[in-house]
Amino acid sequence: MHGVVADMWLLNFDLDTVRGLLLIALMIGFLGVWAWAWSSERKSVFRAASMSPLEEDRAEDLTSHGVKKESGSSPC
């Protein structure tokens, strides 16, 4: 008799149970990504990535149209 009740319980999953299990799985995934992103191993990689747009702009400014910027000159 206990085996039949257990089998009926497994078949009695409704939409709310599936939503609850999905919520728990997504929360665990979110916390995993959050821990990965804030780990100390990733800090240097993210720092380099945050500076890359600025480095590209400086390189473009210095080499654009073959014009070299003079030190000490101020824009008008």
N, C-alpha and C. Protein backbone atom coordinates (compact mmCIF):
# COMPACT_ATOMS: atom_id res chain seq x y z
N MET A 1 0.82 -1.20 0.00
CA MET A 1 0.00 0.00 0.00
C MET A 1 0.86 1.26 0.00
N HIS A 2 1.99 1.23 0.71
CA HIS A 2 2.84 2.41 0.76
C HIS A 2 3.45 2.71 -0.60
N GLY A 3 3.76 1.68 -1.38
CA GLY A 3 4.33 1.88 -2.71
C GLY A 3 3.38 2.58 -3.64
N VAL A 4 2.10 2.29 -3.55
CA VAL A 4 1.09 2.92 -4.40
C VAL A 4 0.95 4.39 -4.03
N VAL A 5 0.96 4.71 -2.74
CA VAL A 5 0.84 6.10 -2.29
C VAL A 5 2.06 6.90 -2.76
N ALA A 6 3.24 6.34 -2.67
CA ALA A 6 4.45 7.03 -3.10
C ALA A 6 4.41 7.27 -4.61
N ASP A 7 3.93 6.28 -5.36
CA ASP A 7 3.83 6.46 -6.81
C ASP A 7 2.82 7.54 -7.15
N MET A 8 1.71 7.61 -6.42
CA MET A 8 0.70 8.63 -6.69
C MET A 8 1.25 10.02 -6.36
N TRP A 9 2.09 10.12 -5.30
CA TRP A 9 2.66 11.41 -4.94
C TRP A 9 3.59 11.91 -6.04
N LEU A 10 4.37 11.01 -6.65
CA LEU A 10 5.27 11.39 -7.72
C LEU A 10 4.50 11.87 -8.94
N LEU A 11 3.34 11.30 -9.19
CA LEU A 11 2.54 11.70 -10.35
C LEU A 11 1.72 12.95 -10.07
N ASN A 12 1.66 13.38 -8.82
CA ASN A 12 0.81 14.49 -8.44
C ASN A 12 1.54 15.83 -8.48
N PHE A 13 2.58 15.97 -9.27
CA PHE A 13 3.26 17.25 -9.42
C PHE A 13 2.34 18.18 -10.18
N ASP A 14 2.08 19.32 -9.62
CA ASP A 14 1.30 20.30 -10.34
C ASP A 14 2.21 21.43 -10.81
N LEU A 15 1.65 22.39 -11.48
CA LEU A 15 2.43 23.48 -12.05
C LEU A 15 3.14 24.30 -10.97
N ASP A 16 2.52 24.48 -9.82
CA ASP A 16 3.15 25.25 -8.74
C ASP A 16 4.40 24.55 -8.22
N THR A 17 4.39 23.23 -8.15
CA THR A 17 5.57 22.49 -7.71
C THR A 17 6.71 22.65 -8.70
N VAL A 18 6.39 22.57 -9.98
CA VAL A 18 7.41 22.76 -11.02
C VAL A 18 7.98 24.16 -10.96
N ARG A 19 7.12 25.14 -10.76
CA ARG A 19 7.57 26.53 -10.65
C ARG A 19 8.48 26.72 -9.43
N GLY A 20 8.14 26.09 -8.33
CA GLY A 20 8.95 26.18 -7.12
C GLY A 20 10.33 25.56 -7.32
N LEU A 21 10.36 24.38 -7.94
CA LEU A 21 11.65 23.74 -8.21
C LEU A 21 12.49 24.56 -9.19
N LEU A 22 11.84 25.15 -10.19
CA LEU A 22 12.55 26.00 -11.14
C LEU A 22 13.11 27.24 -10.44
N LEU A 23 12.33 27.81 -9.54
CA LEU A 23 12.79 28.98 -8.78
C LEU A 23 14.02 28.65 -7.96
N ILE A 24 14.00 27.52 -7.29
CA ILE A 24 15.15 27.10 -6.48
C ILE A 24 16.38 26.90 -7.36
N ALA A 25 16.20 26.24 -8.52
CA ALA A 25 17.33 26.01 -9.43
C ALA A 25 17.89 27.33 -9.95
N LEU A 26 17.02 28.27 -10.29
CA LEU A 26 17.49 29.57 -10.79
C LEU A 26 18.19 30.37 -9.70
N MET A 27 17.70 30.29 -8.47
CA MET A 27 18.36 30.99 -7.37
C MET A 27 19.76 30.43 -7.12
N ILE A 28 19.89 29.11 -7.16
CA ILE A 28 21.21 28.49 -6.98
C ILE A 28 22.14 28.91 -8.12
N GLY A 29 21.62 28.94 -9.35
CA GLY A 29 22.43 29.38 -10.49
C GLY A 29 22.86 30.83 -10.36
N PHE A 30 21.94 31.69 -9.94
CA PHE A 30 22.27 33.11 -9.76
C PHE A 30 23.35 33.29 -8.70
N LEU A 31 23.21 32.60 -7.59
CA LEU A 31 24.21 32.72 -6.53
C LEU A 31 25.57 32.18 -6.99
N GLY A 32 25.55 31.15 -7.82
CA GLY A 32 26.81 30.62 -8.36
C GLY A 32 27.50 31.62 -9.27
N VAL A 33 26.74 32.26 -10.15
CA VAL A 33 27.32 33.27 -11.05
C VAL A 33 27.80 34.47 -10.24
N TRP A 34 27.03 34.87 -9.24
CA TRP A 34 27.43 36.00 -8.40
C TRP A 34 28.74 35.70 -7.68
N ALA A 35 28.86 34.51 -7.12
CA ALA A 35 30.09 34.13 -6.42
C ALA A 35 31.27 34.08 -7.38
N TRP A 36 31.05 33.58 -8.59
CA TRP A 36 32.12 33.51 -9.60
C TRP A 36 32.57 34.92 -9.98
N ALA A 37 31.61 35.81 -10.22
CA ALA A 37 31.96 37.17 -10.67
C ALA A 37 32.69 37.97 -9.59
N TRP A 38 32.36 37.76 -8.34
CA TRP A 38 32.97 38.52 -7.25
C TRP A 38 34.17 37.82 -6.63
N SER A 39 34.59 36.71 -7.21
CA SER A 39 35.75 36.01 -6.65
C SER A 39 37.01 36.82 -6.91
N SER A 40 38.00 36.66 -6.07
CA SER A 40 39.23 37.44 -6.19
C SER A 40 40.01 37.06 -7.44
N GLU A 41 39.80 35.86 -7.96
CA GLU A 41 40.50 35.44 -9.18
C GLU A 41 40.04 36.24 -10.39
N ARG A 42 38.82 36.72 -10.41
CA ARG A 42 38.27 37.43 -11.56
C ARG A 42 38.54 38.93 -11.52
N LYS A 43 38.99 39.45 -10.40
CA LYS A 43 39.15 40.89 -10.23
C LYS A 43 40.10 41.50 -11.26
N SER A 44 41.24 40.87 -11.49
CA SER A 44 42.20 41.43 -12.45
C SER A 44 41.68 41.36 -13.87
N VAL A 45 40.95 40.32 -14.20
CA VAL A 45 40.39 40.19 -15.55
C VAL A 45 39.35 41.27 -15.80
N PHE A 46 38.46 41.50 -14.82
CA PHE A 46 37.43 42.52 -14.98
C PHE A 46 38.04 43.92 -14.99
N ARG A 47 39.09 44.13 -14.23
CA ARG A 47 39.77 45.43 -14.23
C ARG A 47 40.37 45.72 -15.60
N ALA A 48 41.02 44.72 -16.20
CA ALA A 48 41.59 44.90 -17.53
C ALA A 48 40.50 45.14 -18.56
N ALA A 49 39.39 44.43 -18.44
CA ALA A 49 38.29 44.61 -19.38
C ALA A 49 37.65 46.00 -19.24
N SER A 50 37.60 46.52 -18.02
CA SER A 50 37.01 47.85 -17.83
C SER A 50 37.89 48.95 -18.39
N MET A 51 39.19 48.72 -18.48
CA MET A 51 40.11 49.73 -19.00
C MET A 51 40.30 49.65 -20.51
N SER A 52 39.88 48.57 -21.13
CA SER A 52 40.13 48.39 -22.56
C SER A 52 39.49 49.46 -23.45
N PRO A 53 38.27 49.95 -23.18
CA PRO A 53 37.73 51.02 -24.03
C PRO A 53 38.56 52.30 -23.95
N LEU A 54 39.10 52.60 -22.79
CA LEU A 54 39.91 53.81 -22.64
C LEU A 54 41.24 53.67 -23.38
N GLU A 55 41.81 52.49 -23.34
CA GLU A 55 43.07 52.27 -24.04
C GLU A 55 42.89 52.36 -25.55
N GLU A 56 41.77 51.87 -26.07
CA GLU A 56 41.50 51.97 -27.50
C GLU A 56 41.32 53.41 -27.93
N ASP A 57 40.64 54.22 -27.12
CA ASP A 57 40.44 55.63 -27.46
C ASP A 57 41.76 56.38 -27.48
N ARG A 58 42.62 56.11 -26.52
CA ARG A 58 43.92 56.77 -26.51
C ARG A 58 44.75 56.39 -27.72
N ALA A 59 44.71 55.15 -28.10
CA ALA A 59 45.47 54.69 -29.27
C ALA A 59 44.93 55.33 -30.54
N GLU A 60 43.62 55.47 -30.64
CA GLU A 60 43.03 56.11 -31.81
C GLU A 60 43.37 57.59 -31.86
N ASP A 61 43.36 58.26 -30.71
CA ASP A 61 43.69 59.69 -30.66
C ASP A 61 45.13 59.94 -31.11
N LEU A 62 46.02 59.08 -30.71
CA LEU A 62 47.42 59.29 -31.02
C LEU A 62 47.75 58.96 -32.47
N THR A 63 47.03 58.04 -33.07
CA THR A 63 47.37 57.62 -34.42
C THR A 63 46.37 58.05 -35.48
N SER A 64 45.35 58.78 -35.11
CA SER A 64 44.33 59.16 -36.09
C SER A 64 44.89 60.17 -37.09
N HIS A 65 44.71 59.87 -38.33
CA HIS A 65 45.10 60.74 -39.44
C HIS A 65 46.59 61.08 -39.45
N GLY A 66 47.40 60.33 -38.81
CA GLY A 66 48.82 60.56 -38.83
C GLY A 66 49.27 61.79 -38.09
N VAL A 67 48.40 62.38 -37.29
CA VAL A 67 48.73 63.60 -36.56
C VAL A 67 49.25 63.19 -35.19
N LYS A 68 50.42 63.69 -34.83
CA LYS A 68 50.97 63.42 -33.52
C LYS A 68 50.65 64.59 -32.61
N LYS A 69 50.23 64.29 -31.42
CA LYS A 69 49.92 65.36 -30.46
C LYS A 69 51.21 65.81 -29.80
N GLU A 70 51.33 67.10 -29.66
CA GLU A 70 52.51 67.67 -29.01
C GLU A 70 52.22 67.80 -27.52
N SER A 71 53.22 67.55 -26.73
CA SER A 71 53.04 67.72 -25.29
C SER A 71 53.05 69.18 -24.94
N GLY A 72 52.18 69.56 -24.02
CA GLY A 72 52.14 70.94 -23.58
C GLY A 72 51.21 71.80 -24.40
N SER A 73 50.67 71.32 -25.51
CA SER A 73 49.77 72.13 -26.31
C SER A 73 48.38 72.05 -25.72
N SER A 74 47.69 73.16 -25.79
CA SER A 74 46.32 73.19 -25.24
C SER A 74 45.35 73.48 -26.38
N PRO A 75 44.16 72.88 -26.33
CA PRO A 75 43.17 73.13 -27.37
C PRO A 75 42.65 74.54 -27.28
N CYS A 76 42.24 75.12 -28.37
CA CYS A 76 41.73 76.49 -28.41
C CYS A 76 40.29 76.57 -28.07
